[in-house]
Each structure stands twice: as structure tokens, then as C-alpha cells.
C-alpha atoms as a PDB file:
ATOM      1  CA  MET A   1    -143.650 -76.916 -54.584  1.00  0.00           C
ATOM      2  CA  LYS A   2    -140.763 -78.737 -52.894  1.00  0.00           C
ATOM      3  CA  LYS A   3    -138.743 -78.583 -56.129  1.00  0.00           C
ATOM      4  CA  LEU A   4    -139.437 -74.841 -56.380  1.00  0.00           C
ATOM      5  CA  LEU A   5    -138.289 -74.226 -52.798  1.00  0.00           C
ATOM      6  CA  LEU A   6    -135.165 -76.298 -53.367  1.00  0.00           C
ATOM      7  CA  LEU A   7    -134.349 -74.371 -56.548  1.00  0.00           C
ATOM      8  CA  THR A   8    -134.893 -71.060 -54.735  1.00  0.00           C
ATOM      9  CA  ALA A   9    -132.562 -72.143 -51.912  1.00  0.00           C
ATOM     10  CA  LEU A  10    -129.877 -73.217 -54.360  1.00  0.00           C
ATOM     11  CA  CYS A  11    -130.087 -69.909 -56.230  1.00  0.00           C
ATOM     12  CA  SER A  12    -129.911 -67.948 -52.966  1.00  0.00           C
ATOM     13  CA  GLY A  13    -126.874 -69.944 -51.913  1.00  0.00           C
ATOM     14  CA  LEU A  14    -125.207 -69.284 -55.259  1.00  0.00           C
ATOM     15  CA  LEU A  15    -125.859 -65.558 -55.007  1.00  0.00           C
ATOM     16  CA  LEU A  16    -124.506 -65.514 -51.444  1.00  0.00           C
ATOM     17  CA  THR A  17    -121.366 -67.348 -52.541  1.00  0.00           C
ATOM     18  CA  ASN A  18    -120.851 -64.892 -55.353  1.00  0.00           C
ATOM     19  CA  ALA A  19    -121.316 -61.953 -52.967  1.00  0.00           C
ATOM     20  CA  GLN A  20    -118.713 -63.341 -50.590  1.00  0.00           C
ATOM     21  CA  GLN A  21    -116.188 -63.393 -53.426  1.00  0.00           C
ATOM     22  CA  LEU A  22    -116.546 -59.688 -54.165  1.00  0.00           C
ATOM     23  CA  GLN A  23    -113.178 -57.930 -53.867  1.00  0.00           C
ATOM     24  CA  THR A  24    -113.004 -54.294 -52.786  1.00  0.00           C
ATOM     25  CA  PRO A  25    -110.103 -52.077 -51.673  1.00  0.00           C
ATOM     26  CA  PRO A  26    -109.472 -52.160 -47.901  1.00  0.00           C
ATOM     27  CA  PRO A  27    -110.312 -48.906 -46.084  1.00  0.00           C
ATOM     28  CA  SER A  28    -106.856 -48.971 -44.488  1.00  0.00           C
ATOM     29  CA  THR A  29    -104.217 -50.300 -46.854  1.00  0.00           C
ATOM     30  CA  THR A  30    -101.260 -52.358 -45.651  1.00  0.00           C
ATOM     31  CA  GLN A  31     -97.726 -51.240 -46.377  1.00  0.00           C
ATOM     32  CA  THR A  32     -94.393 -52.996 -45.923  1.00  0.00           C
ATOM     33  CA  VAL A  33     -91.264 -50.837 -45.801  1.00  0.00           C
ATOM     34  CA  LYS A  34     -87.820 -52.414 -46.135  1.00  0.00           C
ATOM     35  CA  GLN A  35     -84.822 -50.178 -45.567  1.00  0.00           C
ATOM     36  CA  GLU A  36     -81.154 -51.104 -45.871  1.00  0.00           C
ATOM     37  CA  PHE A  37     -79.381 -49.960 -42.726  1.00  0.00           C
ATOM     38  CA  GLY A  38     -75.873 -50.602 -41.475  1.00  0.00           C
ATOM     39  CA  LEU A  39     -74.910 -54.080 -42.628  1.00  0.00           C
ATOM     40  CA  SER A  40     -78.467 -55.437 -42.728  1.00  0.00           C
ATOM     41  CA  THR A  41     -82.051 -54.145 -43.067  1.00  0.00           C
ATOM     42  CA  ILE A  42     -85.021 -52.901 -41.080  1.00  0.00           C
ATOM     43  CA  GLU A  43     -88.459 -54.040 -42.228  1.00  0.00           C
ATOM     44  CA  LEU A  44     -91.781 -52.801 -40.872  1.00  0.00           C
ATOM     45  CA  SER A  45     -95.361 -53.709 -41.676  1.00  0.00           C
ATOM     46  CA  TYR A  46     -98.412 -51.604 -40.805  1.00  0.00           C
ATOM     47  CA  SER A  47    -101.826 -50.460 -41.994  1.00  0.00           C
ATOM     48  CA  ARG A  48    -102.526 -46.879 -43.119  1.00  0.00           C
ATOM     49  CA  PRO A  49    -105.822 -45.393 -41.930  1.00  0.00           C
ATOM     50  CA  ASN A  50    -107.002 -42.136 -43.528  1.00  0.00           C
ATOM     51  CA  MET A  51    -108.167 -38.912 -41.879  1.00  0.00           C
ATOM     52  CA  LYS A  52    -111.446 -38.703 -43.830  1.00  0.00           C
ATOM     53  CA  GLY A  53    -112.177 -35.316 -42.293  1.00  0.00           C
ATOM     54  CA  ARG A  54    -111.917 -36.655 -38.742  1.00  0.00           C
ATOM     55  CA  LYS A  55    -110.034 -35.198 -35.805  1.00  0.00           C
ATOM     56  CA  ILE A  56    -107.248 -37.677 -35.161  1.00  0.00           C
ATOM     57  CA  PHE A  57    -105.155 -37.213 -32.042  1.00  0.00           C
ATOM     58  CA  GLY A  58    -107.049 -36.558 -28.869  1.00  0.00           C
ATOM     59  CA  ASP A  59    -110.220 -37.922 -30.478  1.00  0.00           C
ATOM     60  CA  LEU A  60    -110.051 -40.880 -32.879  1.00  0.00           C
ATOM     61  CA  VAL A  61    -106.687 -41.767 -31.321  1.00  0.00           C
ATOM     62  CA  PRO A  62    -106.950 -40.880 -27.602  1.00  0.00           C
ATOM     63  CA  TYR A  63    -104.114 -39.210 -25.770  1.00  0.00           C
ATOM     64  CA  ASN A  64    -102.254 -41.132 -23.059  1.00  0.00           C
ATOM     65  CA  ALA A  65    -103.523 -44.546 -24.176  1.00  0.00           C
ATOM     66  CA  VAL A  66    -101.773 -47.405 -25.970  1.00  0.00           C
ATOM     67  CA  TRP A  67    -102.315 -47.239 -29.730  1.00  0.00           C
ATOM     68  CA  ARG A  68    -101.544 -50.082 -32.119  1.00  0.00           C
ATOM     69  CA  THR A  69     -99.993 -47.397 -34.340  1.00  0.00           C
ATOM     70  CA  GLY A  70    -101.989 -48.060 -37.446  1.00  0.00           C
ATOM     71  CA  ALA A  71    -105.151 -49.970 -38.244  1.00  0.00           C
ATOM     72  CA  ASN A  72    -106.304 -53.558 -38.749  1.00  0.00           C
ATOM     73  CA  SER A  73    -103.438 -55.922 -37.855  1.00  0.00           C
ATOM     74  CA  ALA A  74    -100.636 -55.206 -35.416  1.00  0.00           C
ATOM     75  CA  THR A  75     -97.705 -53.045 -36.498  1.00  0.00           C
ATOM     76  CA  THR A  76     -94.400 -54.926 -36.504  1.00  0.00           C
ATOM     77  CA  ILE A  77     -90.754 -54.025 -37.012  1.00  0.00           C
ATOM     78  CA  ASN A  78     -87.930 -56.435 -37.807  1.00  0.00           C
ATOM     79  CA  PHE A  79     -84.309 -55.471 -37.096  1.00  0.00           C
ATOM     80  CA  GLY A  80     -81.805 -57.459 -39.161  1.00  0.00           C
ATOM     81  CA  SER A  81     -79.026 -56.769 -36.658  1.00  0.00           C
ATOM     82  CA  ASP A  82     -78.640 -55.405 -33.133  1.00  0.00           C
ATOM     83  CA  VAL A  83     -79.660 -51.758 -32.845  1.00  0.00           C
ATOM     84  CA  THR A  84     -80.000 -49.022 -30.254  1.00  0.00           C
ATOM     85  CA  VAL A  85     -83.334 -47.225 -30.139  1.00  0.00           C
ATOM     86  CA  GLY A  86     -83.411 -44.019 -28.139  1.00  0.00           C
ATOM     87  CA  GLY A  87     -80.347 -45.152 -26.201  1.00  0.00           C
ATOM     88  CA  ILE A  88     -81.730 -48.640 -25.443  1.00  0.00           C
ATOM     89  CA  LYS A  89     -79.999 -51.682 -26.978  1.00  0.00           C
ATOM     90  CA  ILE A  90     -82.306 -54.099 -28.819  1.00  0.00           C
ATOM     91  CA  PRO A  91     -81.193 -57.501 -30.180  1.00  0.00           C
ATOM     92  CA  ALA A  92     -81.883 -58.383 -33.806  1.00  0.00           C
ATOM     93  CA  GLY A  93     -85.365 -59.804 -34.298  1.00  0.00           C
ATOM     94  CA  LYS A  94     -89.024 -59.082 -34.950  1.00  0.00           C
ATOM     95  CA  TYR A  95     -91.028 -56.931 -32.515  1.00  0.00           C
ATOM     96  CA  GLY A  96     -94.324 -55.154 -32.164  1.00  0.00           C
ATOM     97  CA  LEU A  97     -94.358 -51.362 -32.517  1.00  0.00           C
ATOM     98  CA  LEU A  98     -96.815 -49.494 -30.281  1.00  0.00           C
ATOM     99  CA  THR A  99     -97.142 -45.890 -29.180  1.00  0.00           C
ATOM    100  CA  ILE A 100     -98.791 -43.802 -26.493  1.00  0.00           C
ATOM    101  CA  PRO A 101     -99.532 -40.435 -28.139  1.00  0.00           C
ATOM    102  CA  GLY A 102     -99.489 -37.353 -25.935  1.00  0.00           C
ATOM    103  CA  GLU A 103    -100.193 -33.669 -26.465  1.00  0.00           C
ATOM    104  CA  ILE A 104     -96.525 -32.778 -25.956  1.00  0.00           C
ATOM    105  CA  GLU A 105     -94.593 -36.054 -26.125  1.00  0.00           C
ATOM    106  CA  TRP A 106     -95.147 -39.623 -27.229  1.00  0.00           C
ATOM    107  CA  THR A 107     -93.974 -42.905 -25.781  1.00  0.00           C
ATOM    108  CA  VAL A 108     -92.747 -45.321 -28.450  1.00  0.00           C
ATOM    109  CA  ILE A 109     -92.854 -48.958 -27.348  1.00  0.00           C
ATOM    110  CA  ILE A 110     -90.912 -51.888 -28.791  1.00  0.00           C
ATOM    111  CA  THR A 111     -92.566 -55.054 -27.501  1.00  0.00           C
ATOM    112  CA  LYS A 112     -92.151 -58.806 -27.809  1.00  0.00           C
ATOM    113  CA  GLN A 113     -95.873 -58.979 -28.578  1.00  0.00           C
ATOM    114  CA  LEU A 114     -96.609 -59.271 -32.305  1.00  0.00           C
ATOM    115  CA  ASP A 115    -100.402 -59.356 -32.097  1.00  0.00           C
ATOM    116  CA  VAL A 116    -101.518 -56.249 -30.206  1.00  0.00           C
ATOM    117  CA  THR A 117    -104.530 -54.815 -32.027  1.00  0.00           C
ATOM    118  CA  SER A 118    -106.273 -53.314 -28.994  1.00  0.00           C
ATOM    119  CA  PRO A 119    -105.080 -51.710 -25.730  1.00  0.00           C
ATOM    120  CA  SER A 120    -106.564 -54.568 -23.711  1.00  0.00           C
ATOM    121  CA  ALA A 121    -104.169 -57.057 -25.345  1.00  0.00           C
ATOM    122  CA  TYR A 122    -101.067 -55.056 -24.419  1.00  0.00           C
ATOM    123  CA  LYS A 123     -98.837 -56.402 -21.630  1.00  0.00           C
ATOM    124  CA  GLN A 124     -96.239 -53.982 -20.340  1.00  0.00           C
ATOM    125  CA  ASP A 125     -94.046 -56.793 -18.996  1.00  0.00           C
ATOM    126  CA  GLN A 126     -93.358 -57.736 -22.625  1.00  0.00           C
ATOM    127  CA  ASP A 127     -91.709 -54.375 -23.344  1.00  0.00           C
ATOM    128  CA  VAL A 128     -88.213 -54.440 -24.816  1.00  0.00           C
ATOM    129  CA  ALA A 129     -87.863 -50.656 -24.894  1.00  0.00           C
ATOM    130  CA  ARG A 130     -89.846 -47.528 -24.080  1.00  0.00           C
ATOM    131  CA  VAL A 131     -88.628 -44.300 -25.634  1.00  0.00           C
ATOM    132  CA  LYS A 132     -90.082 -40.840 -25.083  1.00  0.00           C
ATOM    133  CA  VAL A 133     -89.940 -38.449 -28.042  1.00  0.00           C
ATOM    134  CA  LYS A 134     -91.222 -34.916 -28.536  1.00  0.00           C
ATOM    135  CA  LYS A 135     -94.234 -34.341 -30.757  1.00  0.00           C
ATOM    136  CA  ILE A 136     -93.575 -32.293 -33.890  1.00  0.00           C
ATOM    137  CA  ASP A 137     -96.195 -29.942 -35.342  1.00  0.00           C
ATOM    138  CA  LEU A 138     -96.272 -30.353 -39.124  1.00  0.00           C
ATOM    139  CA  PRO A 139     -97.009 -27.361 -41.404  1.00  0.00           C
ATOM    140  CA  PHE A 140     -99.539 -29.389 -43.402  1.00  0.00           C
ATOM    141  CA  ALA A 141    -101.818 -32.376 -42.872  1.00  0.00           C
ATOM    142  CA  ILE A 142    -100.888 -35.937 -43.845  1.00  0.00           C
ATOM    143  CA  GLU A 143    -104.078 -37.678 -45.032  1.00  0.00           C
ATOM    144  CA  SER A 144    -102.843 -41.284 -44.750  1.00  0.00           C
ATOM    145  CA  PHE A 145    -100.954 -42.419 -41.661  1.00  0.00           C
ATOM    146  CA  MET A 146     -97.290 -42.859 -42.555  1.00  0.00           C
ATOM    147  CA  ILE A 147     -94.314 -44.657 -41.044  1.00  0.00           C
ATOM    148  CA  GLY A 148     -90.951 -44.543 -42.769  1.00  0.00           C
ATOM    149  CA  PHE A 149     -87.246 -43.806 -42.545  1.00  0.00           C
ATOM    150  CA  ASP A 150     -85.234 -40.639 -43.113  1.00  0.00           C
ATOM    151  CA  ASN A 151     -81.782 -39.223 -42.503  1.00  0.00           C
ATOM    152  CA  VAL A 152     -80.238 -42.567 -43.459  1.00  0.00           C
ATOM    153  CA  LYS A 153     -76.541 -42.771 -42.616  1.00  0.00           C
ATOM    154  CA  SER A 154     -74.084 -45.641 -42.283  1.00  0.00           C
ATOM    155  CA  SER A 155     -74.739 -46.216 -38.589  1.00  0.00           C
ATOM    156  CA  SER A 156     -77.768 -44.033 -37.759  1.00  0.00           C
ATOM    157  CA  ILE A 157     -81.278 -43.581 -39.089  1.00  0.00           C
ATOM    158  CA  ASP A 158     -84.521 -41.875 -38.094  1.00  0.00           C
ATOM    159  CA  LEU A 159     -87.811 -43.724 -37.870  1.00  0.00           C
ATOM    160  CA  TYR A 160     -90.655 -41.250 -38.398  1.00  0.00           C
ATOM    161  CA  LEU A 161     -94.410 -41.451 -37.819  1.00  0.00           C
ATOM    162  CA  MET A 162     -96.747 -38.846 -39.323  1.00  0.00           C
ATOM    163  CA  TRP A 163    -100.489 -38.354 -39.458  1.00  0.00           C
ATOM    164  CA  ASP A 164    -102.684 -35.261 -39.668  1.00  0.00           C
ATOM    165  CA  LYS A 165    -100.430 -32.398 -38.543  1.00  0.00           C
ATOM    166  CA  THR A 166     -98.472 -34.473 -36.016  1.00  0.00           C
ATOM    167  CA  GLY A 167     -95.137 -36.212 -36.362  1.00  0.00           C
ATOM    168  CA  VAL A 168     -92.553 -37.914 -34.162  1.00  0.00           C
ATOM    169  CA  ILE A 169     -88.991 -39.010 -34.893  1.00  0.00           C
ATOM    170  CA  VAL A 170     -87.271 -41.964 -33.213  1.00  0.00           C
ATOM    171  CA  PRO A 171     -83.450 -42.160 -33.525  1.00  0.00           C
ATOM    172  CA  ILE A 172     -81.949 -45.582 -34.244  1.00  0.00           C
ATOM    173  CA  THR A 173     -78.245 -46.452 -34.325  1.00  0.00           C
ATOM    174  CA  THR A 174     -76.166 -49.563 -34.900  1.00  0.00           C
ATOM    175  CA  ASP A 175     -72.528 -50.507 -34.342  1.00  0.00           C
ATOM    176  CA  ILE A 176     -70.906 -51.270 -37.673  1.00  0.00           C
ATOM    177  CA  ASP A 177     -67.381 -50.029 -36.995  1.00  0.00           C
ATOM    178  CA  SER A 178     -66.202 -53.066 -35.043  1.00  0.00           C
ATOM    179  CA  LYS A 179     -67.653 -55.410 -37.686  1.00  0.00           C
ATOM    180  CA  ILE A 180     -66.116 -53.552 -40.617  1.00  0.00           C
ATOM    181  CA  MET A 181     -62.736 -53.241 -38.897  1.00  0.00           C
ATOM    182  CA  ALA A 182     -62.797 -56.995 -38.295  1.00  0.00           C
ATOM    183  CA  GLN A 183     -63.540 -57.522 -42.003  1.00  0.00           C
ATOM    184  CA  ILE A 184     -60.694 -55.208 -43.015  1.00  0.00           C
ATOM    185  CA  ASN A 185     -58.208 -56.870 -40.673  1.00  0.00           C
ATOM    186  CA  ASP A 186     -59.209 -60.283 -41.970  1.00  0.00           C
ATOM    187  CA  ALA A 187     -59.155 -59.244 -45.649  1.00  0.00           C
ATOM    188  CA  MET A 188     -55.716 -57.662 -45.398  1.00  0.00           C
ATOM    189  CA  ASN A 189     -54.287 -61.084 -44.550  1.00  0.00           C
ATOM    190  CA  LYS A 190     -55.523 -62.528 -47.842  1.00  0.00           C
ATOM    191  CA  ASP A 191     -54.266 -62.289 -51.415  1.00  0.00           C
ATOM    192  CA  ASN A 192     -56.990 -60.155 -53.030  1.00  0.00           C
ATOM    193  CA  LYS A 193     -56.931 -57.211 -50.663  1.00  0.00           C
ATOM    194  CA  PRO A 194     -59.821 -54.664 -50.830  1.00  0.00           C
ATOM    195  CA  TYR A 195     -57.596 -51.606 -50.763  1.00  0.00           C
ATOM    196  CA  PHE A 196     -60.084 -49.177 -52.279  1.00  0.00           C
ATOM    197  CA  GLN A 197     -63.018 -50.071 -50.007  1.00  0.00           C
ATOM    198  CA  SER A 198     -60.780 -50.046 -46.948  1.00  0.00           C
ATOM    199  CA  ALA A 199     -59.306 -46.679 -47.889  1.00  0.00           C
ATOM    200  CA  MET A 200     -62.788 -45.244 -48.425  1.00  0.00           C
ATOM    201  CA  TYR A 201     -63.940 -46.451 -45.008  1.00  0.00           C
ATOM    202  CA  TYR A 202     -60.904 -44.989 -43.282  1.00  0.00           C
ATOM    203  CA  MET A 203     -61.333 -41.659 -45.069  1.00  0.00           C
ATOM    204  CA  GLU A 204     -65.081 -41.350 -44.538  1.00  0.00           C
ATOM    205  CA  THR A 205     -64.966 -42.268 -40.848  1.00  0.00           C
ATOM    206  CA  GLY A 206     -62.018 -40.027 -40.017  1.00  0.00           C
ATOM    207  CA  LYS A 207     -59.563 -42.787 -39.196  1.00  0.00           C
ATOM    208  CA  ASP A 208     -55.861 -42.861 -40.145  1.00  0.00           C
ATOM    209  CA  LEU A 209     -55.676 -40.759 -43.336  1.00  0.00           C
ATOM    210  CA  ASN A 210     -52.060 -41.773 -43.957  1.00  0.00           C
ATOM    211  CA  LYS A 211     -53.147 -45.398 -44.017  1.00  0.00           C
ATOM    212  CA  ALA A 212     -56.075 -44.467 -46.275  1.00  0.00           C
ATOM    213  CA  LEU A 213     -53.679 -42.745 -48.701  1.00  0.00           C
ATOM    214  CA  GLU A 214     -51.388 -45.771 -48.671  1.00  0.00           C
ATOM    215  CA  TRP A 215     -54.328 -48.005 -49.565  1.00  0.00           C
ATOM    216  CA  PHE A 216     -55.513 -45.644 -52.322  1.00  0.00           C
ATOM    217  CA  ASN A 217     -52.057 -45.880 -53.884  1.00  0.00           C
ATOM    218  CA  LYS A 218     -52.137 -49.688 -53.685  1.00  0.00           C
ATOM    219  CA  ALA A 219     -55.629 -49.678 -55.196  1.00  0.00           C
ATOM    220  CA  ILE A 220     -54.235 -47.669 -58.122  1.00  0.00           C
ATOM    221  CA  VAL A 221     -51.601 -50.360 -58.649  1.00  0.00           C
ATOM    222  CA  GLN A 222     -54.432 -52.913 -58.766  1.00  0.00           C
ATOM    223  CA  THR A 223     -56.465 -50.788 -61.203  1.00  0.00           C
ATOM    224  CA  PRO A 224     -54.206 -48.265 -62.996  1.00  0.00           C
ATOM    225  CA  ASP A 225     -57.038 -46.738 -65.041  1.00  0.00           C
ATOM    226  CA  GLY A 226     -59.330 -46.343 -62.031  1.00  0.00           C
ATOM    227  CA  PHE A 227     -60.393 -42.720 -62.439  1.00  0.00           C
ATOM    228  CA  TRP A 228     -62.698 -43.075 -59.417  1.00  0.00           C
ATOM    229  CA  ILE A 229     -59.721 -44.127 -57.273  1.00  0.00           C
ATOM    230  CA  TYR A 230     -57.693 -41.056 -58.254  1.00  0.00           C
ATOM    231  CA  TYR A 231     -60.724 -38.867 -57.500  1.00  0.00           C
ATOM    232  CA  GLN A 232     -61.115 -40.283 -53.994  1.00  0.00           C
ATOM    233  CA  LYS A 233     -57.352 -40.097 -53.468  1.00  0.00           C
ATOM    234  CA  ALA A 234     -57.640 -36.388 -54.277  1.00  0.00           C
ATOM    235  CA  ASN A 235     -60.380 -36.030 -51.646  1.00  0.00           C
ATOM    236  CA  CYS A 236     -58.187 -37.793 -49.114  1.00  0.00           C
ATOM    237  CA  LEU A 237     -55.292 -35.449 -49.887  1.00  0.00           C
ATOM    238  CA  VAL A 238     -57.601 -32.453 -49.441  1.00  0.00           C
ATOM    239  CA  LYS A 239     -58.485 -33.705 -45.954  1.00  0.00           C
ATOM    240  CA  MET A 240     -54.780 -34.041 -45.229  1.00  0.00           C
ATOM    241  CA  GLY A 241     -54.195 -30.421 -46.292  1.00  0.00           C
ATOM    242  CA  LYS A 242     -52.123 -31.395 -49.336  1.00  0.00           C
ATOM    243  CA  LYS A 243     -53.872 -29.303 -51.970  1.00  0.00           C
ATOM    244  CA  ALA A 244     -51.124 -29.405 -54.610  1.00  0.00           C
ATOM    245  CA  ASP A 245     -50.985 -33.201 -54.506  1.00  0.00           C
ATOM    246  CA  ALA A 246     -54.788 -33.313 -54.521  1.00  0.00           C
ATOM    247  CA  LEU A 247     -54.855 -31.181 -57.678  1.00  0.00           C
ATOM    248  CA  ASP A 248     -52.423 -33.549 -59.420  1.00  0.00           C
ATOM    249  CA  ALA A 249     -54.542 -36.569 -58.474  1.00  0.00           C
ATOM    250  CA  SER A 250     -57.704 -34.862 -59.657  1.00  0.00           C
ATOM    251  CA  ILE A 251     -56.153 -33.897 -62.992  1.00  0.00           C
ATOM    252  CA  LYS A 252     -55.091 -37.525 -63.499  1.00  0.00           C
ATOM    253  CA  SER A 253     -58.644 -38.619 -62.622  1.00  0.00           C
ATOM    254  CA  THR A 254     -60.005 -36.206 -65.224  1.00  0.00           C
ATOM    255  CA  GLU A 255     -57.713 -37.587 -67.941  1.00  0.00           C
ATOM    256  CA  LEU A 256     -58.746 -41.166 -67.191  1.00  0.00           C
ATOM    257  CA  ALA A 257     -62.428 -40.253 -66.919  1.00  0.00           C
ATOM    258  CA  LYS A 258     -62.330 -38.547 -70.326  1.00  0.00           C
ATOM    259  CA  ALA A 259     -60.669 -41.619 -71.817  1.00  0.00           C
ATOM    260  CA  ALA A 260     -63.432 -43.766 -70.305  1.00  0.00           C
ATOM    261  CA  LYS A 261     -66.061 -41.258 -71.518  1.00  0.00           C
ATOM    262  CA  ASN A 262     -67.387 -40.823 -67.988  1.00  0.00           C
ATOM    263  CA  ASP A 263     -68.801 -37.307 -67.912  1.00  0.00           C
ATOM    264  CA  ASP A 264     -69.945 -37.598 -64.296  1.00  0.00           C
ATOM    265  CA  TYR A 265     -66.406 -37.883 -62.964  1.00  0.00           C
ATOM    266  CA  VAL A 266     -65.169 -35.200 -65.312  1.00  0.00           C
ATOM    267  CA  ALA A 267     -67.747 -32.872 -63.758  1.00  0.00           C
ATOM    268  CA  LEU A 268     -66.865 -33.968 -60.217  1.00  0.00           C
ATOM    269  CA  ASN A 269     -63.195 -33.288 -60.817  1.00  0.00           C
ATOM    270  CA  THR A 270     -63.929 -29.890 -62.403  1.00  0.00           C
ATOM    271  CA  LYS A 271     -65.770 -28.841 -59.247  1.00  0.00           C
ATOM    272  CA  LEU A 272     -63.030 -30.200 -57.015  1.00  0.00           C
ATOM    273  CA  GLN A 273     -60.248 -28.491 -58.958  1.00  0.00           C
ATOM    274  CA  ALA A 274     -62.062 -25.154 -58.714  1.00  0.00           C
ATOM    275  CA  THR A 275     -61.592 -25.333 -54.930  1.00  0.00           C
ATOM    276  CA  LEU A 276     -57.901 -26.167 -55.203  1.00  0.00           C
ATOM    277  CA  LYS A 277     -56.658 -23.412 -57.524  1.00  0.00           C
END
């Protein structure tokens, strides 16, 4: 009898161990989003609960209460360089991302706390920034909670949160101009000067176009068959109001692009030339 009981216990333990090893999909999946921004990256990690036919805001997620902004573990955001969120400067580093949803506006919280999974764990004195943003009514429902980035530009980006028929957008900016200008000034004192990149930055940011044109010309000396350089030189000349010179540069770009069998730049130049004739 004792041997039978022992065998039964061993079998039960084996079955229990096997059951504990069963792997099933989590009800709220985890997502990590990494976005290049400015001269570094922003990385966020969060869990994505689903609607499942439930009423979300004002019910499952109460209004006017701290929400971990996801499910399961805490939502975190890591800024690779200093940023400004909603007008508030935030040093580079990893932070918790919390929200207080409201019927008309939300409060988005950047906190030093990285482990807030319930409102009771939240400590307001650990806030780095609090930003109020207007709620947006979406024309359709988002089944799985979503955080991501949109409207990505060189020094500005939008962080968006969407679930059900509700969305909010948080503007983020960063200062890259002073860093890039320092790079340009340093590089121009060295032998292998980045004329093309420097010219592009000057042209795209509306700086000294005469200096940009000078650098485009020097870039052409560095790379005489650079059809892409002639094309951008043409764009620079257009901005300077020199259409005839721009047309000449674009025609030269077309000739070089055809020789290089680059149909993309041939097409770009064709479109540009149509605006110059």
C-alpha cells in the first residue's frame, strides 16, 4: 500500500510539473518600440491589452486616476539624448510613462519610477514632467492598446497613444542644431571635409544658402560624377531664385544619372525640370 501511495504521489508530482511548463500566449502581449530620433533613439516598452468587447475609458480604465498605461509590467520610455516633452526639458535616461485619462484632456506623466503597476505605487514627488494634452476622438476603434511615434522630423516627433476610439498626442523635441553645427565647424578644420552633408544641412534648415551652394560646388570637385550632388545643387539654386542655373545643374544631374543607370534620379530631375521651364 505504501509503495502504491508513493507511486501515486510521484505521478501526481510529474503531472503537476508538466502542467507548470505549459506555454500559452499572454492575454496582453508586450511590445518594444525603438525609434531613431535626432542624433539618438527613443525606446519604449509596454503591454497591449485588448478591448474584448469591454468599455474602456471611464470604466475599465477610470477617468481622473493614475493608469499604468498598458497592462502587466510598468510602461517605460528611454530617451537616448536630452529632449523636451510638452515644453518641459528632460535629461537623457530611462523613465516610467504614466497617464491620467480624462473625458476631455489627459495628463501624461514622465516619472523616475520604473515599477508602477498600480495607482497605489505611484509617488507624485518622483515626477519629472506632467503634460496636459487634449483627447482625440478616433473615427474607428483600436482593438489593441497602441503606443508609437508619428510625424518624425529631424528635431521633433509625436508620441501617440490609442485605444478604443480615444487617442492622445504628446509632442517631443530635441536640440540637434547646436550639436550638428559643432560637428560641421570641427570637420571643416580637417582634411576630408564633409561638404555634401554640410551643404544639405544648411539648405534643409534654411541657413546660409550661399554657403550651401559653395559647399555643393566643392562636393562636386570631390565627386565629379555625383549625380545626386548636382540634383541637390539644383534644389539649392531653386531656393535662391536662380532657376536658369538650377535647370543647368539638373540637366547635368540627368546626364550623370543616365550614365550610372539610376532611373530614380532621372525621374526626380524630370519632375524638377518641369517646374523650371
